[in-house]
Amino acid sequence: MLARIYRPTKTAMQSGRRGTDRWVLEFAPRDRPAADPLMGTNASTDMMRQVRLTFETREAAEAYAARSGIAYRVAAGDERVVKPQSYADNFRSTRYQPWTH
């Protein structure tokens, strides 16, 4: 079993960053989903696809995987960079583009 440890990003439908501070351990799918001939939906016999564990830190997720004997890989994401700006910066005299109105 191969697992992936990552920190989820916020979706395009969210304005906040709720749930992006935790680390997630998900298992890789073992087989492809098969189409159900009667209903036409996708079905799978792999129950580990439904398991999603969350941890406070990356080290805790790695320790759990090592303790449980799960092979894993860490997908490190980019850290969010906040550029501080104030409303007064719109009116400063050293703007890159001059004020238009």
PDB file of N, CA and C in Angstrom:
ATOM      1  N   MET A   1       0.838  -1.180   0.000  1.00  0.00           N
ATOM      2  CA  MET A   1       0.000   0.000   0.000  1.00  0.00           C
ATOM      3  C   MET A   1       0.879   1.237   0.000  1.00  0.00           C
ATOM      4  N   LEU A   2       0.594   2.124  -0.880  1.00  0.00           N
ATOM      5  CA  LEU A   2       1.310   3.387  -0.946  1.00  0.00           C
ATOM      6  C   LEU A   2       0.360   4.493  -0.525  1.00  0.00           C
ATOM      7  N   ALA A   3       0.840   5.377   0.324  1.00  0.00           N
ATOM      8  CA  ALA A   3       0.023   6.487   0.800  1.00  0.00           C
ATOM      9  C   ALA A   3       0.693   7.795   0.408  1.00  0.00           C
ATOM     10  N   ARG A   4      -0.114   8.822   0.343  1.00  0.00           N
ATOM     11  CA  ARG A   4       0.384  10.156   0.030  1.00  0.00           C
ATOM     12  C   ARG A   4       0.068  11.065   1.205  1.00  0.00           C
ATOM     13  N   ILE A   5       1.067  11.781   1.676  1.00  0.00           N
ATOM     14  CA  ILE A   5       0.897  12.742   2.759  1.00  0.00           C
ATOM     15  C   ILE A   5       1.041  14.123   2.141  1.00  0.00           C
ATOM     16  N   TYR A   6       0.035  14.956   2.346  1.00  0.00           N
ATOM     17  CA  TYR A   6       0.063  16.292   1.754  1.00  0.00           C
ATOM     18  C   TYR A   6      -0.755  17.251   2.590  1.00  0.00           C
ATOM     19  N   ARG A   7      -0.588  18.512   2.307  1.00  0.00           N
ATOM     20  CA  ARG A   7      -1.383  19.566   2.926  1.00  0.00           C
ATOM     21  C   ARG A   7      -2.339  20.080   1.860  1.00  0.00           C
ATOM     22  N   PRO A   8      -3.657  19.965   2.092  1.00  0.00           N
ATOM     23  CA  PRO A   8      -4.607  20.353   1.045  1.00  0.00           C
ATOM     24  C   PRO A   8      -4.592  21.857   0.792  1.00  0.00           C
ATOM     25  N   THR A   9      -4.865  22.221  -0.443  1.00  0.00           N
ATOM     26  CA  THR A   9      -4.961  23.625  -0.803  1.00  0.00           C
ATOM     27  C   THR A   9      -6.415  24.049  -0.770  1.00  0.00           C
ATOM     28  N   LYS A  10      -6.647  25.326  -0.726  1.00  0.00           N
ATOM     29  CA  LYS A  10      -8.032  25.790  -0.737  1.00  0.00           C
ATOM     30  C   LYS A  10      -8.565  25.690  -2.153  1.00  0.00           C
ATOM     31  N   THR A  11      -9.834  25.388  -2.261  1.00  0.00           N
ATOM     32  CA  THR A  11     -10.429  25.256  -3.581  1.00  0.00           C
ATOM     33  C   THR A  11     -10.780  26.629  -4.136  1.00  0.00           C
ATOM     34  N   ALA A  12     -11.100  26.676  -5.396  1.00  0.00           N
ATOM     35  CA  ALA A  12     -11.468  27.939  -6.028  1.00  0.00           C
ATOM     36  C   ALA A  12     -12.813  28.439  -5.528  1.00  0.00           C
ATOM     37  N   MET A  13     -13.605  27.575  -4.927  1.00  0.00           N
ATOM     38  CA  MET A  13     -14.921  27.963  -4.434  1.00  0.00           C
ATOM     39  C   MET A  13     -14.865  28.513  -3.012  1.00  0.00           C
ATOM     40  N   GLN A  14     -13.700  28.522  -2.400  1.00  0.00           N
ATOM     41  CA  GLN A  14     -13.569  29.006  -1.033  1.00  0.00           C
ATOM     42  C   GLN A  14     -12.892  30.363  -1.016  1.00  0.00           C
ATOM     43  N   SER A  15     -13.318  31.215  -0.104  1.00  0.00           N
ATOM     44  CA  SER A  15     -12.599  32.461   0.095  1.00  0.00           C
ATOM     45  C   SER A  15     -11.681  32.347   1.305  1.00  0.00           C
ATOM     46  N   GLY A  16     -11.996  31.463   2.220  1.00  0.00           N
ATOM     47  CA  GLY A  16     -11.169  31.260   3.406  1.00  0.00           C
ATOM     48  C   GLY A  16     -10.220  30.095   3.232  1.00  0.00           C
ATOM     49  N   ARG A  17      -9.431  29.851   4.265  1.00  0.00           N
ATOM     50  CA  ARG A  17      -8.434  28.775   4.217  1.00  0.00           C
ATOM     51  C   ARG A  17      -8.720  27.706   5.252  1.00  0.00           C
ATOM     52  N   ARG A  18      -9.996  27.451   5.539  1.00  0.00           N
ATOM     53  CA  ARG A  18     -10.353  26.454   6.540  1.00  0.00           C
ATOM     54  C   ARG A  18      -9.926  25.058   6.062  1.00  0.00           C
ATOM     55  N   GLY A  19      -9.300  24.301   6.951  1.00  0.00           N
ATOM     56  CA  GLY A  19      -8.904  22.933   6.642  1.00  0.00           C
ATOM     57  C   GLY A  19      -7.583  22.811   5.915  1.00  0.00           C
ATOM     58  N   THR A  20      -6.907  23.927   5.663  1.00  0.00           N
ATOM     59  CA  THR A  20      -5.634  23.838   4.957  1.00  0.00           C
ATOM     60  C   THR A  20      -4.449  23.817   5.914  1.00  0.00           C
ATOM     61  N   ASP A  21      -4.706  23.849   7.214  1.00  0.00           N
ATOM     62  CA  ASP A  21      -3.616  23.852   8.172  1.00  0.00           C
ATOM     63  C   ASP A  21      -3.235  22.449   8.634  1.00  0.00           C
ATOM     64  N   ARG A  22      -4.017  21.439   8.296  1.00  0.00           N
ATOM     65  CA  ARG A  22      -3.741  20.062   8.706  1.00  0.00           C
ATOM     66  C   ARG A  22      -3.097  19.276   7.562  1.00  0.00           C
ATOM     67  N   TRP A  23      -2.458  18.183   7.911  1.00  0.00           N
ATOM     68  CA  TRP A  23      -1.845  17.295   6.934  1.00  0.00           C
ATOM     69  C   TRP A  23      -2.749  16.084   6.744  1.00  0.00           C
ATOM     70  N   VAL A  24      -2.845  15.593   5.518  1.00  0.00           N
ATOM     71  CA  VAL A  24      -3.751  14.506   5.159  1.00  0.00           C
ATOM     72  C   VAL A  24      -2.946  13.309   4.669  1.00  0.00           C
ATOM     73  N   LEU A  25      -3.349  12.122   5.106  1.00  0.00           N
ATOM     74  CA  LEU A  25      -2.771  10.875   4.608  1.00  0.00           C
ATOM     75  C   LEU A  25      -3.867  10.145   3.842  1.00  0.00           C
ATOM     76  N   GLU A  26      -3.655   9.950   2.545  1.00  0.00           N
ATOM     77  CA  GLU A  26      -4.606   9.229   1.690  1.00  0.00           C
ATOM     78  C   GLU A  26      -3.885   8.073   1.019  1.00  0.00           C
ATOM     79  N   PHE A  27      -4.610   7.008   0.808  1.00  0.00           N
ATOM     80  CA  PHE A  27      -4.040   5.830   0.156  1.00  0.00           C
ATOM     81  C   PHE A  27      -4.228   5.917  -1.351  1.00  0.00           C
ATOM     82  N   ALA A  28      -3.244   5.421  -2.084  1.00  0.00           N
ATOM     83  CA  ALA A  28      -3.328   5.394  -3.538  1.00  0.00           C
ATOM     84  C   ALA A  28      -4.307   4.306  -3.967  1.00  0.00           C
ATOM     85  N   PRO A  29      -5.040   4.514  -5.045  1.00  0.00           N
ATOM     86  CA  PRO A  29      -5.979   3.475  -5.496  1.00  0.00           C
ATOM     87  C   PRO A  29      -5.239   2.241  -5.991  1.00  0.00           C
ATOM     88  N   ARG A  30      -5.769   1.076  -5.662  1.00  0.00           N
ATOM     89  CA  ARG A  30      -5.153  -0.184  -6.089  1.00  0.00           C
ATOM     90  C   ARG A  30      -5.633  -0.621  -7.471  1.00  0.00           C
ATOM     91  N   ASP A  31      -6.901  -0.354  -7.769  1.00  0.00           N
ATOM     92  CA  ASP A  31      -7.435  -0.767  -9.063  1.00  0.00           C
ATOM     93  C   ASP A  31      -8.308   0.347  -9.624  1.00  0.00           C
ATOM     94  N   ARG A  32      -8.612   0.232 -10.885  1.00  0.00           N
ATOM     95  CA  ARG A  32      -9.451   1.229 -11.547  1.00  0.00           C
ATOM     96  C   ARG A  32     -10.913   0.970 -11.219  1.00  0.00           C
ATOM     97  N   PRO A  33     -11.701   2.035 -11.115  1.00  0.00           N
ATOM     98  CA  PRO A  33     -13.125   1.808 -10.903  1.00  0.00           C
ATOM     99  C   PRO A  33     -13.761   1.205 -12.154  1.00  0.00           C
ATOM    100  N   ALA A  34     -14.703   0.312 -11.937  1.00  0.00           N
ATOM    101  CA  ALA A  34     -15.386  -0.352 -13.050  1.00  0.00           C
ATOM    102  C   ALA A  34     -16.803   0.196 -13.159  1.00  0.00           C
ATOM    103  N   ALA A  35     -17.304   0.279 -14.369  1.00  0.00           N
ATOM    104  CA  ALA A  35     -18.660   0.762 -14.581  1.00  0.00           C
ATOM    105  C   ALA A  35     -19.661  -0.332 -14.234  1.00  0.00           C
ATOM    106  N   ASP A  36     -20.659   0.028 -13.455  1.00  0.00           N
ATOM    107  CA  ASP A  36     -21.728  -0.899 -13.091  1.00  0.00           C
ATOM    108  C   ASP A  36     -22.662  -1.015 -14.293  1.00  0.00           C
ATOM    109  N   PRO A  37     -22.882  -2.213 -14.825  1.00  0.00           N
ATOM    110  CA  PRO A  37     -23.696  -2.334 -16.034  1.00  0.00           C
ATOM    111  C   PRO A  37     -25.166  -1.979 -15.826  1.00  0.00           C
ATOM    112  N   LEU A  38     -25.679  -2.139 -14.623  1.00  0.00           N
ATOM    113  CA  LEU A  38     -27.082  -1.870 -14.378  1.00  0.00           C
ATOM    114  C   LEU A  38     -27.357  -0.381 -14.193  1.00  0.00           C
ATOM    115  N   MET A  39     -26.598   0.259 -13.299  1.00  0.00           N
ATOM    116  CA  MET A  39     -26.857   1.655 -12.970  1.00  0.00           C
ATOM    117  C   MET A  39     -25.986   2.627 -13.753  1.00  0.00           C
ATOM    118  N   GLY A  40     -24.850   2.151 -14.264  1.00  0.00           N
ATOM    119  CA  GLY A  40     -23.958   3.014 -15.010  1.00  0.00           C
ATOM    120  C   GLY A  40     -23.032   3.843 -14.138  1.00  0.00           C
ATOM    121  N   THR A  41     -23.001   3.597 -12.837  1.00  0.00           N
ATOM    122  CA  THR A  41     -22.121   4.338 -11.939  1.00  0.00           C
ATOM    123  C   THR A  41     -20.778   3.631 -11.841  1.00  0.00           C
ATOM    124  N   ASN A  42     -19.805   4.323 -11.311  1.00  0.00           N
ATOM    125  CA  ASN A  42     -18.488   3.737 -11.100  1.00  0.00           C
ATOM    126  C   ASN A  42     -18.481   3.000  -9.774  1.00  0.00           C
ATOM    127  N   ALA A  43     -17.930   1.817  -9.777  1.00  0.00           N
ATOM    128  CA  ALA A  43     -17.842   1.012  -8.569  1.00  0.00           C
ATOM    129  C   ALA A  43     -16.413   0.523  -8.409  1.00  0.00           C
ATOM    130  N   SER A  44     -16.018   0.334  -7.173  1.00  0.00           N
ATOM    131  CA  SER A  44     -14.679  -0.143  -6.886  1.00  0.00           C
ATOM    132  C   SER A  44     -14.726  -1.070  -5.683  1.00  0.00           C
ATOM    133  N   THR A  45     -13.839  -2.040  -5.656  1.00  0.00           N
ATOM    134  CA  THR A  45     -13.748  -2.942  -4.516  1.00  0.00           C
ATOM    135  C   THR A  45     -12.678  -2.494  -3.538  1.00  0.00           C
ATOM    136  N   ASP A  46     -11.984  -1.425  -3.853  1.00  0.00           N
ATOM    137  CA  ASP A  46     -10.904  -0.919  -3.007  1.00  0.00           C
ATOM    138  C   ASP A  46     -11.488  -0.007  -1.928  1.00  0.00           C
ATOM    139  N   MET A  47     -11.587  -0.505  -0.706  1.00  0.00           N
ATOM    140  CA  MET A  47     -12.165   0.273   0.380  1.00  0.00           C
ATOM    141  C   MET A  47     -11.186   1.287   0.970  1.00  0.00           C
ATOM    142  N   MET A  48      -9.907   1.127   0.688  1.00  0.00           N
ATOM    143  CA  MET A  48      -8.925   2.067   1.229  1.00  0.00           C
ATOM    144  C   MET A  48      -9.005   3.436   0.557  1.00  0.00           C
ATOM    145  N   ARG A  49      -9.688   3.542  -0.564  1.00  0.00           N
ATOM    146  CA  ARG A  49      -9.863   4.837  -1.215  1.00  0.00           C
ATOM    147  C   ARG A  49     -10.727   5.770  -0.376  1.00  0.00           C
ATOM    148  N   GLN A  50     -11.505   5.207   0.524  1.00  0.00           N
ATOM    149  CA  GLN A  50     -12.391   6.009   1.357  1.00  0.00           C
ATOM    150  C   GLN A  50     -11.712   6.494   2.632  1.00  0.00           C
ATOM    151  N   VAL A  51     -10.539   5.960   2.942  1.00  0.00           N
ATOM    152  CA  VAL A  51      -9.849   6.321   4.173  1.00  0.00           C
ATOM    153  C   VAL A  51      -9.047   7.593   3.944  1.00  0.00           C
ATOM    154  N   ARG A  52      -9.296   8.577   4.798  1.00  0.00           N
ATOM    155  CA  ARG A  52      -8.581   9.856   4.735  1.00  0.00           C
ATOM    156  C   ARG A  52      -8.308  10.282   6.168  1.00  0.00           C
ATOM    157  N   LEU A  53      -7.048  10.221   6.574  1.00  0.00           N
ATOM    158  CA  LEU A  53      -6.660  10.546   7.940  1.00  0.00           C
ATOM    159  C   LEU A  53      -6.052  11.937   7.977  1.00  0.00           C
ATOM    160  N   THR A  54      -6.392  12.716   8.995  1.00  0.00           N
ATOM    161  CA  THR A  54      -5.830  14.059   9.139  1.00  0.00           C
ATOM    162  C   THR A  54      -4.957  14.108  10.388  1.00  0.00           C
ATOM    163  N   PHE A  55      -3.895  14.911  10.303  1.00  0.00           N
ATOM    164  CA  PHE A  55      -2.933  15.057  11.388  1.00  0.00           C
ATOM    165  C   PHE A  55      -2.608  16.530  11.564  1.00  0.00           C
ATOM    166  N   GLU A  56      -2.193  16.872  12.771  1.00  0.00           N
ATOM    167  CA  GLU A  56      -1.835  18.263  13.076  1.00  0.00           C
ATOM    168  C   GLU A  56      -0.541  18.675  12.377  1.00  0.00           C
ATOM    169  N   THR A  57       0.442  17.770  12.338  1.00  0.00           N
ATOM    170  CA  THR A  57       1.744  18.100  11.757  1.00  0.00           C
ATOM    171  C   THR A  57       2.155  17.033  10.753  1.00  0.00           C
ATOM    172  N   ARG A  58       3.121  17.398   9.948  1.00  0.00           N
ATOM    173  CA  ARG A  58       3.672  16.456   8.964  1.00  0.00           C
ATOM    174  C   ARG A  58       4.401  15.323   9.670  1.00  0.00           C
ATOM    175  N   GLU A  59       5.108  15.655  10.742  1.00  0.00           N
ATOM    176  CA  GLU A  59       5.860  14.638  11.472  1.00  0.00           C
ATOM    177  C   GLU A  59       4.928  13.600  12.085  1.00  0.00           C
ATOM    178  N   ALA A  60       3.764  14.027  12.542  1.00  0.00           N
ATOM    179  CA  ALA A  60       2.805  13.088  13.118  1.00  0.00           C
ATOM    180  C   ALA A  60       2.271  12.136  12.053  1.00  0.00           C
ATOM    181  N   ALA A  61       2.028  12.642  10.856  1.00  0.00           N
ATOM    182  CA  ALA A  61       1.559  11.794   9.764  1.00  0.00           C
ATOM    183  C   ALA A  61       2.634  10.800   9.346  1.00  0.00           C
ATOM    184  N   GLU A  62       3.880  11.262   9.274  1.00  0.00           N
ATOM    185  CA  GLU A  62       4.976  10.363   8.917  1.00  0.00           C
ATOM    186  C   GLU A  62       5.205   9.311  10.002  1.00  0.00           C
ATOM    187  N   ALA A  63       5.078   9.711  11.259  1.00  0.00           N
ATOM    188  CA  ALA A  63       5.259   8.756  12.361  1.00  0.00           C
ATOM    189  C   ALA A  63       4.166   7.691  12.332  1.00  0.00           C
ATOM    190  N   TYR A  64       2.936   8.081  12.038  1.00  0.00           N
ATOM    191  CA  TYR A  64       1.848   7.109  11.953  1.00  0.00           C
ATOM    192  C   TYR A  64       2.094   6.117  10.816  1.00  0.00           C
ATOM    193  N   ALA A  65       2.531   6.628   9.657  1.00  0.00           N
ATOM    194  CA  ALA A  65       2.786   5.756   8.510  1.00  0.00           C
ATOM    195  C   ALA A  65       3.938   4.794   8.813  1.00  0.00           C
ATOM    196  N   ALA A  66       4.967   5.279   9.449  1.00  0.00           N
ATOM    197  CA  ALA A  66       6.106   4.419   9.783  1.00  0.00           C
ATOM    198  C   ALA A  66       5.712   3.384  10.835  1.00  0.00           C
ATOM    199  N   ARG A  67       4.927   3.792  11.828  1.00  0.00           N
ATOM    200  CA  ARG A  67       4.494   2.882  12.883  1.00  0.00           C
ATOM    201  C   ARG A  67       3.564   1.800  12.341  1.00  0.00           C
ATOM    202  N   SER A  68       2.753   2.150  11.336  1.00  0.00           N
ATOM    203  CA  SER A  68       1.798   1.198  10.766  1.00  0.00           C
ATOM    204  C   SER A  68       2.387   0.390   9.615  1.00  0.00           C
ATOM    205  N   GLY A  69       3.608   0.681   9.214  1.00  0.00           N
ATOM    206  CA  GLY A  69       4.237  -0.058   8.132  1.00  0.00           C
ATOM    207  C   GLY A  69       3.695   0.317   6.763  1.00  0.00           C
ATOM    208  N   ILE A  70       3.296   1.553   6.590  1.00  0.00           N
ATOM    209  CA  ILE A  70       2.725   2.032   5.327  1.00  0.00           C
ATOM    210  C   ILE A  70       3.802   2.786   4.564  1.00  0.00           C
ATOM    211  N   ALA A  71       4.021   2.390   3.324  1.00  0.00           N
ATOM    212  CA  ALA A  71       4.943   3.134   2.470  1.00  0.00           C
ATOM    213  C   ALA A  71       4.261   4.442   2.077  1.00  0.00           C
ATOM    214  N   TYR A  72       4.996   5.539   2.135  1.00  0.00           N
ATOM    215  CA  TYR A  72       4.393   6.836   1.873  1.00  0.00           C
ATOM    216  C   TYR A  72       5.351   7.729   1.109  1.00  0.00           C
ATOM    217  N   ARG A  73       4.781   8.770   0.534  1.00  0.00           N
ATOM    218  CA  ARG A  73       5.581   9.836  -0.056  1.00  0.00           C
ATOM    219  C   ARG A  73       4.923  11.152   0.348  1.00  0.00           C
ATOM    220  N   VAL A  74       5.748  12.157   0.532  1.00  0.00           N
ATOM    221  CA  VAL A  74       5.268  13.457   0.987  1.00  0.00           C
ATOM    222  C   VAL A  74       5.232  14.398  -0.203  1.00  0.00           C
ATOM    223  N   ALA A  75       4.076  15.000  -0.425  1.00  0.00           N
ATOM    224  CA  ALA A  75       3.923  16.002  -1.484  1.00  0.00           C
ATOM    225  C   ALA A  75       3.936  17.360  -0.808  1.00  0.00           C
ATOM    226  N   ALA A  76       5.076  18.008  -0.857  1.00  0.00           N
ATOM    227  CA  ALA A  76       5.208  19.308  -0.209  1.00  0.00           C
ATOM    228  C   ALA A  76       4.669  20.391  -1.135  1.00  0.00           C
ATOM    229  N   GLY A  77       3.818  21.219  -0.600  1.00  0.00           N
ATOM    230  CA  GLY A  77       3.238  22.312  -1.371  1.00  0.00           C
ATOM    231  C   GLY A  77       3.984  23.606  -1.122  1.00  0.00           C
ATOM    232  N   ASP A  78       3.594  24.619  -1.834  1.00  0.00           N
ATOM    233  CA  ASP A  78       4.206  25.926  -1.667  1.00  0.00           C
ATOM    234  C   ASP A  78       3.594  26.631  -0.461  1.00  0.00           C
ATOM    235  N   GLU A  79       4.424  27.331   0.262  1.00  0.00           N
ATOM    236  CA  GLU A  79       3.936  28.107   1.395  1.00  0.00           C
ATOM    237  C   GLU A  79       3.312  29.402   0.892  1.00  0.00           C
ATOM    238  N   ARG A  80       2.290  29.830   1.578  1.00  0.00           N
ATOM    239  CA  ARG A  80       1.593  31.057   1.200  1.00  0.00           C
ATOM    240  C   ARG A  80       2.437  32.253   1.611  1.00  0.00           C
ATOM    241  N   VAL A  81       2.661  33.167   0.674  1.00  0.00           N
ATOM    242  CA  VAL A  81       3.433  34.373   0.939  1.00  0.00           C
ATOM    243  C   VAL A  81       2.461  35.549   0.972  1.00  0.00           C
ATOM    244  N   VAL A  82       2.436  36.244   2.090  1.00  0.00           N
ATOM    245  CA  VAL A  82       1.549  37.384   2.245  1.00  0.00           C
ATOM    246  C   VAL A  82       2.365  38.653   2.067  1.00  0.00           C
ATOM    247  N   LYS A  83       1.954  39.478   1.114  1.00  0.00           N
ATOM    248  CA  LYS A  83       2.611  40.751   0.877  1.00  0.00           C
ATOM    249  C   LYS A  83       1.796  41.830   1.588  1.00  0.00           C
ATOM    250  N   PRO A  84       2.301  42.374   2.680  1.00  0.00           N
ATOM    251  CA  PRO A  84       1.508  43.348   3.431  1.00  0.00           C
ATOM    252  C   PRO A  84       1.313  44.630   2.626  1.00  0.00           C
ATOM    253  N   GLN A  85       0.101  45.102   2.610  1.00  0.00           N
ATOM    254  CA  GLN A  85      -0.244  46.321   1.904  1.00  0.00           C
ATOM    255  C   GLN A  85      -1.272  47.066   2.726  1.00  0.00           C
ATOM    256  N   SER A  86      -1.266  48.352   2.602  1.00  0.00           N
ATOM    257  CA  SER A  86      -2.273  49.139   3.281  1.00  0.00           C
ATOM    258  C   SER A  86      -3.046  49.956   2.252  1.00  0.00           C
ATOM    259  N   TYR A  87      -4.173  50.469   2.669  1.00  0.00           N
ATOM    260  CA  TYR A  87      -5.004  51.269   1.771  1.00  0.00           C
ATOM    261  C   TYR A  87      -4.289  52.567   1.389  1.00  0.00           C
ATOM    262  N   ALA A  88      -3.456  53.070   2.275  1.00  0.00           N
ATOM    263  CA  ALA A  88      -2.736  54.313   2.004  1.00  0.00           C
ATOM    264  C   ALA A  88      -1.728  54.154   0.878  1.00  0.00           C
ATOM    265  N   ASP A  89      -1.314  52.920   0.585  1.00  0.00           N
ATOM    266  CA  ASP A  89      -0.372  52.701  -0.519  1.00  0.00           C
ATOM    267  C   ASP A  89      -0.969  53.089  -1.859  1.00  0.00           C
ATOM    268  N   ASN A  90      -2.290  53.123  -1.976  1.00  0.00           N
ATOM    269  CA  ASN A  90      -2.917  53.531  -3.227  1.00  0.00           C
ATOM    270  C   ASN A  90      -2.663  54.999  -3.546  1.00  0.00           C
ATOM    271  N   PHE A  91      -2.367  55.812  -2.542  1.00  0.00           N
ATOM    272  CA  PHE A  91      -2.237  57.254  -2.729  1.00  0.00           C
ATOM    273  C   PHE A  91      -0.814  57.762  -2.547  1.00  0.00           C
ATOM    274  N   ARG A  92       0.146  56.889  -2.402  1.00  0.00           N
ATOM    275  CA  ARG A  92       1.512  57.356  -2.190  1.00  0.00           C
ATOM    276  C   ARG A  92       2.064  57.950  -3.476  1.00  0.00           C
ATOM    277  N   SER A  93       3.033  58.815  -3.336  1.00  0.00           N
ATOM    278  CA  SER A  93       3.572  59.530  -4.494  1.00  0.00           C
ATOM    279  C   SER A  93       4.564  58.694  -5.295  1.00  0.00           C
ATOM    280  N   THR A  94       5.022  57.590  -4.750  1.00  0.00           N
ATOM    281  CA  THR A  94       6.006  56.760  -5.445  1.00  0.00           C
ATOM    282  C   THR A  94       5.365  55.521  -6.054  1.00  0.00           C
ATOM    283  N   ARG A  95       4.126  55.651  -6.511  1.00  0.00           N
ATOM    284  CA  ARG A  95       3.450  54.513  -7.145  1.00  0.00           C
ATOM    285  C   ARG A  95       4.105  54.173  -8.479  1.00  0.00           C
ATOM    286  N   TYR A  96       4.008  52.942  -8.898  1.00  0.00           N
ATOM    287  CA  TYR A  96       4.550  52.531 -10.197  1.00  0.00           C
ATOM    288  C   TYR A  96       3.714  53.102 -11.329  1.00  0.00           C
ATOM    289  N   GLN A  97       2.426  53.150 -11.131  1.00  0.00           N
ATOM    290  CA  GLN A  97       1.536  53.744 -12.118  1.00  0.00           C
ATOM    291  C   GLN A  97       0.875  54.953 -11.491  1.00  0.00           C
ATOM    292  N   PRO A  98       0.794  56.074 -12.207  1.00  0.00           N
ATOM    293  CA  PRO A  98       0.189  57.263 -11.590  1.00  0.00           C
ATOM    294  C   PRO A  98      -1.310  57.077 -11.372  1.00  0.00           C
ATOM    295  N   TRP A  99      -1.819  57.828 -10.446  1.00  0.00           N
ATOM    296  CA  TRP A  99      -3.252  57.804 -10.143  1.00  0.00           C
ATOM    297  C   TRP A  99      -4.012  58.326 -11.348  1.00  0.00           C
ATOM    298  N   THR A 100      -5.087  57.673 -11.739  1.00  0.00           N
ATOM    299  CA  THR A 100      -5.731  57.998 -13.019  1.00  0.00           C
ATOM    300  C   THR A 100      -6.929  58.914 -12.900  1.00  0.00           C
ATOM    301  N   HIS A 101      -7.438  59.164 -11.722  1.00  0.00           N
ATOM    302  CA  HIS A 101      -8.592  60.060 -11.649  1.00  0.00           C
ATOM    303  C   HIS A 101      -8.620  60.859 -10.406  1.00  0.00           C
TER     304      HIS A 101
END
